[in-house]
Amino acid sequence: MSEVSERPEAIEVPHAALSAEALRGVIEAFVLREGTDYGGREISLDAKVAQVMQRLERGEARIVFDPRTRSVDIVVAR
C-alpha cells in the first residue's frame, strides 16, 4: 500500500502583489460565486467589490491560492 502524499498548504497572496486588473478579477469572481443575500436592497457589483477591497486593505480578509486545486479564494483573516 502506498503512503498518502502530503497536501500542499494554501499560499497567501498579498493583494498588493496583484495587478489592478487581476485583483479586480479575483474579487469579482469571489463576489459573483458567494451568493450572499444583502437584504432588502440591491447592492451593485462595484459596491460589493469595494467592500471586499476594504476588507483586504484592513487585513480582515486575505487571498489564498490552493496548489492542490489550483484555485484562488478570499477568506476571513484570523
PDB file of N, CA and C in Angstrom:
ATOM      1  N   MET A   1       0.845  -1.168   0.000  1.00  0.00           N
ATOM      2  CA  MET A   1       0.000   0.000   0.000  1.00  0.00           C
ATOM      3  C   MET A   1       0.893   1.234   0.000  1.00  0.00           C
ATOM      4  N   SER A   2       0.604   2.187  -0.887  1.00  0.00           N
ATOM      5  CA  SER A   2       1.431   3.392  -0.956  1.00  0.00           C
ATOM      6  C   SER A   2       1.030   4.387   0.119  1.00  0.00           C
ATOM      7  N   GLU A   3       1.989   5.221   0.502  1.00  0.00           N
ATOM      8  CA  GLU A   3       1.728   6.236   1.506  1.00  0.00           C
ATOM      9  C   GLU A   3       0.923   7.375   0.886  1.00  0.00           C
ATOM     10  N   VAL A   4       0.120   8.000   1.709  1.00  0.00           N
ATOM     11  CA  VAL A   4      -0.639   9.165   1.262  1.00  0.00           C
ATOM     12  C   VAL A   4       0.321  10.343   1.199  1.00  0.00           C
ATOM     13  N   SER A   5       0.376  10.977   0.033  1.00  0.00           N
ATOM     14  CA  SER A   5       1.278  12.126  -0.087  1.00  0.00           C
ATOM     15  C   SER A   5       0.689  13.317   0.652  1.00  0.00           C
ATOM     16  N   GLU A   6       1.571  14.152   1.170  1.00  0.00           N
ATOM     17  CA  GLU A   6       1.117  15.342   1.878  1.00  0.00           C
ATOM     18  C   GLU A   6       0.523  16.328   0.896  1.00  0.00           C
ATOM     19  N   ARG A   7      -0.521  16.984   1.327  1.00  0.00           N
ATOM     20  CA  ARG A   7      -1.140  18.014   0.502  1.00  0.00           C
ATOM     21  C   ARG A   7      -0.444  19.332   0.770  1.00  0.00           C
ATOM     22  N   PRO A   8      -0.141  20.064  -0.298  1.00  0.00           N
ATOM     23  CA  PRO A   8       0.482  21.369  -0.071  1.00  0.00           C
ATOM     24  C   PRO A   8      -0.490  22.320   0.625  1.00  0.00           C
ATOM     25  N   GLU A   9       0.039  23.157   1.459  1.00  0.00           N
ATOM     26  CA  GLU A   9      -0.766  24.138   2.175  1.00  0.00           C
ATOM     27  C   GLU A   9      -1.179  25.264   1.227  1.00  0.00           C
ATOM     28  N   ALA A  10      -2.269  25.913   1.551  1.00  0.00           N
ATOM     29  CA  ALA A  10      -2.698  27.088   0.790  1.00  0.00           C
ATOM     30  C   ALA A  10      -1.665  28.190   0.981  1.00  0.00           C
ATOM     31  N   ILE A  11      -1.451  28.952  -0.058  1.00  0.00           N
ATOM     32  CA  ILE A  11      -0.443  30.012  -0.053  1.00  0.00           C
ATOM     33  C   ILE A  11      -1.150  31.353  -0.055  1.00  0.00           C
ATOM     34  N   GLU A  12      -0.812  32.206   0.915  1.00  0.00           N
ATOM     35  CA  GLU A  12      -1.395  33.541   0.946  1.00  0.00           C
ATOM     36  C   GLU A  12      -0.763  34.393  -0.148  1.00  0.00           C
ATOM     37  N   VAL A  13      -1.599  35.116  -0.867  1.00  0.00           N
ATOM     38  CA  VAL A  13      -1.150  36.004  -1.931  1.00  0.00           C
ATOM     39  C   VAL A  13      -1.482  37.430  -1.499  1.00  0.00           C
ATOM     40  N   PRO A  14      -0.468  38.257  -1.229  1.00  0.00           N
ATOM     41  CA  PRO A  14      -0.754  39.635  -0.832  1.00  0.00           C
ATOM     42  C   PRO A  14      -1.520  40.356  -1.944  1.00  0.00           C
ATOM     43  N   HIS A  15      -2.622  41.006  -1.578  1.00  0.00           N
ATOM     44  CA  HIS A  15      -3.435  41.657  -2.603  1.00  0.00           C
ATOM     45  C   HIS A  15      -2.650  42.736  -3.344  1.00  0.00           C
ATOM     46  N   ALA A  16      -1.691  43.354  -2.674  1.00  0.00           N
ATOM     47  CA  ALA A  16      -0.880  44.399  -3.308  1.00  0.00           C
ATOM     48  C   ALA A  16       0.074  43.826  -4.358  1.00  0.00           C
ATOM     49  N   ALA A  17       0.291  42.508  -4.336  1.00  0.00           N
ATOM     50  CA  ALA A  17       1.187  41.883  -5.307  1.00  0.00           C
ATOM     51  C   ALA A  17       0.510  41.648  -6.652  1.00  0.00           C
ATOM     52  N   LEU A  18      -0.824  41.787  -6.694  1.00  0.00           N
ATOM     53  CA  LEU A  18      -1.562  41.572  -7.938  1.00  0.00           C
ATOM     54  C   LEU A  18      -1.743  42.882  -8.687  1.00  0.00           C
ATOM     55  N   SER A  19      -1.807  42.796  -9.995  1.00  0.00           N
ATOM     56  CA  SER A  19      -2.130  43.987 -10.785  1.00  0.00           C
ATOM     57  C   SER A  19      -3.565  44.390 -10.464  1.00  0.00           C
ATOM     58  N   ALA A  20      -3.916  45.624 -10.763  1.00  0.00           N
ATOM     59  CA  ALA A  20      -5.278  46.104 -10.500  1.00  0.00           C
ATOM     60  C   ALA A  20      -6.305  45.241 -11.234  1.00  0.00           C
ATOM     61  N   GLU A  21      -5.996  44.856 -12.461  1.00  0.00           N
ATOM     62  CA  GLU A  21      -6.919  44.025 -13.245  1.00  0.00           C
ATOM     63  C   GLU A  21      -7.080  42.637 -12.637  1.00  0.00           C
ATOM     64  N   ALA A  22      -5.966  42.033 -12.247  1.00  0.00           N
ATOM     65  CA  ALA A  22      -6.022  40.688 -11.657  1.00  0.00           C
ATOM     66  C   ALA A  22      -6.762  40.721 -10.328  1.00  0.00           C
ATOM     67  N   LEU A  23      -6.487  41.725  -9.509  1.00  0.00           N
ATOM     68  CA  LEU A  23      -7.152  41.836  -8.216  1.00  0.00           C
ATOM     69  C   LEU A  23      -8.658  42.001  -8.397  1.00  0.00           C
ATOM     70  N   ARG A  24      -9.056  42.864  -9.307  1.00  0.00           N
ATOM     71  CA  ARG A  24     -10.496  43.051  -9.552  1.00  0.00           C
ATOM     72  C   ARG A  24     -11.117  41.737 -10.028  1.00  0.00           C
ATOM     73  N   GLY A  25     -10.425  41.006 -10.892  1.00  0.00           N
ATOM     74  CA  GLY A  25     -10.943  39.731 -11.375  1.00  0.00           C
ATOM     75  C   GLY A  25     -11.135  38.724 -10.261  1.00  0.00           C
ATOM     76  N   VAL A  26     -10.175  38.646  -9.342  1.00  0.00           N
ATOM     77  CA  VAL A  26     -10.286  37.723  -8.200  1.00  0.00           C
ATOM     78  C   VAL A  26     -11.465  38.117  -7.318  1.00  0.00           C
ATOM     79  N   ILE A  27     -11.577  39.413  -7.034  1.00  0.00           N
ATOM     80  CA  ILE A  27     -12.668  39.876  -6.174  1.00  0.00           C
ATOM     81  C   ILE A  27     -14.016  39.660  -6.849  1.00  0.00           C
ATOM     82  N   GLU A  28     -14.127  39.999  -8.144  1.00  0.00           N
ATOM     83  CA  GLU A  28     -15.391  39.802  -8.853  1.00  0.00           C
ATOM     84  C   GLU A  28     -15.802  38.331  -8.861  1.00  0.00           C
ATOM     85  N   ALA A  29     -14.843  37.450  -9.116  1.00  0.00           N
ATOM     86  CA  ALA A  29     -15.157  36.015  -9.125  1.00  0.00           C
ATOM     87  C   ALA A  29     -15.669  35.573  -7.757  1.00  0.00           C
ATOM     88  N   PHE A  30     -15.054  36.075  -6.705  1.00  0.00           N
ATOM     89  CA  PHE A  30     -15.491  35.750  -5.344  1.00  0.00           C
ATOM     90  C   PHE A  30     -16.901  36.273  -5.089  1.00  0.00           C
ATOM     91  N   VAL A  31     -17.132  37.529  -5.412  1.00  0.00           N
ATOM     92  CA  VAL A  31     -18.441  38.152  -5.157  1.00  0.00           C
ATOM     93  C   VAL A  31     -19.540  37.452  -5.954  1.00  0.00           C
ATOM     94  N   LEU A  32     -19.250  37.109  -7.189  1.00  0.00           N
ATOM     95  CA  LEU A  32     -20.274  36.505  -8.036  1.00  0.00           C
ATOM     96  C   LEU A  32     -20.606  35.071  -7.637  1.00  0.00           C
ATOM     97  N   ARG A  33     -19.680  34.371  -7.011  1.00  0.00           N
ATOM     98  CA  ARG A  33     -19.970  32.984  -6.630  1.00  0.00           C
ATOM     99  C   ARG A  33     -20.428  32.840  -5.190  1.00  0.00           C
ATOM    100  N   GLU A  34     -20.243  33.881  -4.381  1.00  0.00           N
ATOM    101  CA  GLU A  34     -20.541  33.734  -2.958  1.00  0.00           C
ATOM    102  C   GLU A  34     -22.027  33.623  -2.661  1.00  0.00           C
ATOM    103  N   GLY A  35     -22.892  34.221  -3.460  1.00  0.00           N
ATOM    104  CA  GLY A  35     -24.328  34.079  -3.288  1.00  0.00           C
ATOM    105  C   GLY A  35     -24.885  34.687  -2.016  1.00  0.00           C
ATOM    106  N   THR A  36     -24.223  35.694  -1.486  1.00  0.00           N
ATOM    107  CA  THR A  36     -24.681  36.322  -0.254  1.00  0.00           C
ATOM    108  C   THR A  36     -25.923  37.162  -0.507  1.00  0.00           C
ATOM    109  N   ASP A  37     -26.872  37.062   0.389  1.00  0.00           N
ATOM    110  CA  ASP A  37     -28.075  37.888   0.335  1.00  0.00           C
ATOM    111  C   ASP A  37     -27.798  39.158   1.121  1.00  0.00           C
ATOM    112  N   TYR A  38     -27.923  40.295   0.463  1.00  0.00           N
ATOM    113  CA  TYR A  38     -27.626  41.566   1.108  1.00  0.00           C
ATOM    114  C   TYR A  38     -28.870  42.228   1.684  1.00  0.00           C
ATOM    115  N   GLY A  39     -29.947  41.479   1.820  1.00  0.00           N
ATOM    116  CA  GLY A  39     -31.140  42.029   2.433  1.00  0.00           C
ATOM    117  C   GLY A  39     -32.109  42.593   1.417  1.00  0.00           C
ATOM    118  N   GLY A  40     -32.919  43.545   1.881  1.00  0.00           N
ATOM    119  CA  GLY A  40     -33.991  44.089   1.075  1.00  0.00           C
ATOM    120  C   GLY A  40     -33.569  45.004  -0.054  1.00  0.00           C
ATOM    121  N   ARG A  41     -32.356  45.500  -0.016  1.00  0.00           N
ATOM    122  CA  ARG A  41     -31.924  46.395  -1.087  1.00  0.00           C
ATOM    123  C   ARG A  41     -30.819  45.753  -1.910  1.00  0.00           C
ATOM    124  N   GLU A  42     -30.848  46.069  -3.177  1.00  0.00           N
ATOM    125  CA  GLU A  42     -29.846  45.522  -4.102  1.00  0.00           C
ATOM    126  C   GLU A  42     -28.555  46.335  -4.000  1.00  0.00           C
ATOM    127  N   ILE A  43     -27.423  45.661  -4.008  1.00  0.00           N
ATOM    128  CA  ILE A  43     -26.121  46.323  -3.976  1.00  0.00           C
ATOM    129  C   ILE A  43     -25.414  46.012  -5.280  1.00  0.00           C
ATOM    130  N   SER A  44     -24.852  47.031  -5.900  1.00  0.00           N
ATOM    131  CA  SER A  44     -24.196  46.862  -7.195  1.00  0.00           C
ATOM    132  C   SER A  44     -22.920  46.036  -7.062  1.00  0.00           C
ATOM    133  N   LEU A  45     -22.488  45.483  -8.181  1.00  0.00           N
ATOM    134  CA  LEU A  45     -21.241  44.721  -8.213  1.00  0.00           C
ATOM    135  C   LEU A  45     -20.079  45.601  -7.771  1.00  0.00           C
ATOM    136  N   ASP A  46     -20.048  46.844  -8.252  1.00  0.00           N
ATOM    137  CA  ASP A  46     -18.961  47.756  -7.872  1.00  0.00           C
ATOM    138  C   ASP A  46     -18.923  47.993  -6.363  1.00  0.00           C
ATOM    139  N   ALA A  47     -20.088  48.117  -5.743  1.00  0.00           N
ATOM    140  CA  ALA A  47     -20.140  48.331  -4.295  1.00  0.00           C
ATOM    141  C   ALA A  47     -19.655  47.088  -3.552  1.00  0.00           C
ATOM    142  N   LYS A  48     -20.048  45.912  -4.021  1.00  0.00           N
ATOM    143  CA  LYS A  48     -19.597  44.666  -3.387  1.00  0.00           C
ATOM    144  C   LYS A  48     -18.084  44.505  -3.517  1.00  0.00           C
ATOM    145  N   VAL A  49     -17.562  44.825  -4.708  1.00  0.00           N
ATOM    146  CA  VAL A  49     -16.112  44.749  -4.930  1.00  0.00           C
ATOM    147  C   VAL A  49     -15.398  45.710  -3.986  1.00  0.00           C
ATOM    148  N   ALA A  50     -15.927  46.912  -3.841  1.00  0.00           N
ATOM    149  CA  ALA A  50     -15.322  47.908  -2.952  1.00  0.00           C
ATOM    150  C   ALA A  50     -15.315  47.422  -1.506  1.00  0.00           C
ATOM    151  N   GLN A  51     -16.392  46.767  -1.077  1.00  0.00           N
ATOM    152  CA  GLN A  51     -16.455  46.245   0.292  1.00  0.00           C
ATOM    153  C   GLN A  51     -15.389  45.185   0.535  1.00  0.00           C
ATOM    154  N   VAL A  52     -15.222  44.288  -0.414  1.00  0.00           N
ATOM    155  CA  VAL A  52     -14.208  43.236  -0.269  1.00  0.00           C
ATOM    156  C   VAL A  52     -12.808  43.858  -0.290  1.00  0.00           C
ATOM    157  N   MET A  53     -12.591  44.830  -1.164  1.00  0.00           N
ATOM    158  CA  MET A  53     -11.292  45.500  -1.237  1.00  0.00           C
ATOM    159  C   MET A  53     -10.961  46.169   0.101  1.00  0.00           C
ATOM    160  N   GLN A  54     -11.937  46.806   0.710  1.00  0.00           N
ATOM    161  CA  GLN A  54     -11.705  47.438   2.014  1.00  0.00           C
ATOM    162  C   GLN A  54     -11.306  46.406   3.061  1.00  0.00           C
ATOM    163  N   ARG A  55     -11.945  45.254   3.024  1.00  0.00           N
ATOM    164  CA  ARG A  55     -11.603  44.204   3.988  1.00  0.00           C
ATOM    165  C   ARG A  55     -10.180  43.678   3.760  1.00  0.00           C
ATOM    166  N   LEU A  56      -9.792  43.563   2.490  1.00  0.00           N
ATOM    167  CA  LEU A  56      -8.422  43.143   2.188  1.00  0.00           C
ATOM    168  C   LEU A  56      -7.431  44.186   2.686  1.00  0.00           C
ATOM    169  N   GLU A  57      -7.716  45.450   2.436  1.00  0.00           N
ATOM    170  CA  GLU A  57      -6.805  46.527   2.840  1.00  0.00           C
ATOM    171  C   GLU A  57      -6.689  46.635   4.364  1.00  0.00           C
ATOM    172  N   ARG A  58      -7.773  46.343   5.086  1.00  0.00           N
ATOM    173  CA  ARG A  58      -7.748  46.403   6.555  1.00  0.00           C
ATOM    174  C   ARG A  58      -7.182  45.126   7.180  1.00  0.00           C
ATOM    175  N   GLY A  59      -6.903  44.138   6.352  1.00  0.00           N
ATOM    176  CA  GLY A  59      -6.367  42.887   6.875  1.00  0.00           C
ATOM    177  C   GLY A  59      -7.433  41.967   7.437  1.00  0.00           C
ATOM    178  N   GLU A  60      -8.710  42.259   7.177  1.00  0.00           N
ATOM    179  CA  GLU A  60      -9.808  41.435   7.672  1.00  0.00           C
ATOM    180  C   GLU A  60     -10.063  40.229   6.773  1.00  0.00           C
ATOM    181  N   ALA A  61      -9.538  40.271   5.567  1.00  0.00           N
ATOM    182  CA  ALA A  61      -9.670  39.174   4.608  1.00  0.00           C
ATOM    183  C   ALA A  61      -8.333  39.001   3.910  1.00  0.00           C
ATOM    184  N   ARG A  62      -8.152  37.836   3.316  1.00  0.00           N
ATOM    185  CA  ARG A  62      -6.907  37.590   2.580  1.00  0.00           C
ATOM    186  C   ARG A  62      -7.183  36.700   1.379  1.00  0.00           C
ATOM    187  N   ILE A  63      -6.295  36.798   0.416  1.00  0.00           N
ATOM    188  CA  ILE A  63      -6.396  35.985  -0.793  1.00  0.00           C
ATOM    189  C   ILE A  63      -5.491  34.780  -0.615  1.00  0.00           C
ATOM    190  N   VAL A  64      -6.018  33.592  -0.924  1.00  0.00           N
ATOM    191  CA  VAL A  64      -5.214  32.375  -0.812  1.00  0.00           C
ATOM    192  C   VAL A  64      -5.296  31.573  -2.113  1.00  0.00           C
ATOM    193  N   PHE A  65      -4.178  30.951  -2.443  1.00  0.00           N
ATOM    194  CA  PHE A  65      -4.087  30.068  -3.601  1.00  0.00           C
ATOM    195  C   PHE A  65      -3.912  28.655  -3.080  1.00  0.00           C
ATOM    196  N   ASP A  66      -4.738  27.730  -3.564  1.00  0.00           N
ATOM    197  CA  ASP A  66      -4.651  26.320  -3.174  1.00  0.00           C
ATOM    198  C   ASP A  66      -3.969  25.561  -4.309  1.00  0.00           C
ATOM    199  N   PRO A  67      -2.707  25.166  -4.122  1.00  0.00           N
ATOM    200  CA  PRO A  67      -1.985  24.468  -5.193  1.00  0.00           C
ATOM    201  C   PRO A  67      -2.613  23.123  -5.573  1.00  0.00           C
ATOM    202  N   ARG A  68      -3.295  22.503  -4.629  1.00  0.00           N
ATOM    203  CA  ARG A  68      -3.918  21.202  -4.902  1.00  0.00           C
ATOM    204  C   ARG A  68      -5.030  21.338  -5.931  1.00  0.00           C
ATOM    205  N   THR A  69      -5.868  22.359  -5.749  1.00  0.00           N
ATOM    206  CA  THR A  69      -6.987  22.551  -6.669  1.00  0.00           C
ATOM    207  C   THR A  69      -6.702  23.618  -7.721  1.00  0.00           C
ATOM    208  N   ARG A  70      -5.570  24.285  -7.557  1.00  0.00           N
ATOM    209  CA  ARG A  70      -5.185  25.392  -8.447  1.00  0.00           C
ATOM    210  C   ARG A  70      -6.279  26.458  -8.505  1.00  0.00           C
ATOM    211  N   SER A  71      -6.796  26.779  -7.327  1.00  0.00           N
ATOM    212  CA  SER A  71      -7.859  27.774  -7.258  1.00  0.00           C
ATOM    213  C   SER A  71      -7.482  28.884  -6.296  1.00  0.00           C
ATOM    214  N   VAL A  72      -8.137  30.020  -6.467  1.00  0.00           N
ATOM    215  CA  VAL A  72      -7.913  31.195  -5.627  1.00  0.00           C
ATOM    216  C   VAL A  72      -9.212  31.480  -4.887  1.00  0.00           C
ATOM    217  N   ASP A  73      -9.080  31.882  -3.627  1.00  0.00           N
ATOM    218  CA  ASP A  73     -10.251  32.217  -2.842  1.00  0.00           C
ATOM    219  C   ASP A  73      -9.926  33.392  -1.947  1.00  0.00           C
ATOM    220  N   ILE A  74     -10.952  34.022  -1.422  1.00  0.00           N
ATOM    221  CA  ILE A  74     -10.803  35.073  -0.429  1.00  0.00           C
ATOM    222  C   ILE A  74     -11.424  34.545   0.853  1.00  0.00           C
ATOM    223  N   VAL A  75     -10.659  34.627   1.925  1.00  0.00           N
ATOM    224  CA  VAL A  75     -11.111  34.074   3.199  1.00  0.00           C
ATOM    225  C   VAL A  75     -10.999  35.131   4.283  1.00  0.00           C
ATOM    226  N   VAL A  76     -11.744  34.924   5.364  1.00  0.00           N
ATOM    227  CA  VAL A  76     -11.666  35.812   6.519  1.00  0.00           C
ATOM    228  C   VAL A  76     -10.318  35.569   7.189  1.00  0.00           C
ATOM    229  N   ALA A  77      -9.625  36.653   7.509  1.00  0.00           N
ATOM    230  CA  ALA A  77      -8.328  36.532   8.165  1.00  0.00           C
ATOM    231  C   ALA A  77      -8.544  36.171   9.633  1.00  0.00           C
ATOM    232  N   ARG A  78      -7.653  35.399  10.176  1.00  0.00           N
ATOM    233  CA  ARG A  78      -7.733  35.007  11.588  1.00  0.00           C
ATOM    234  C   ARG A  78      -6.943  35.957  12.437  1.00  0.00           C
TER     235      ARG A  78
END
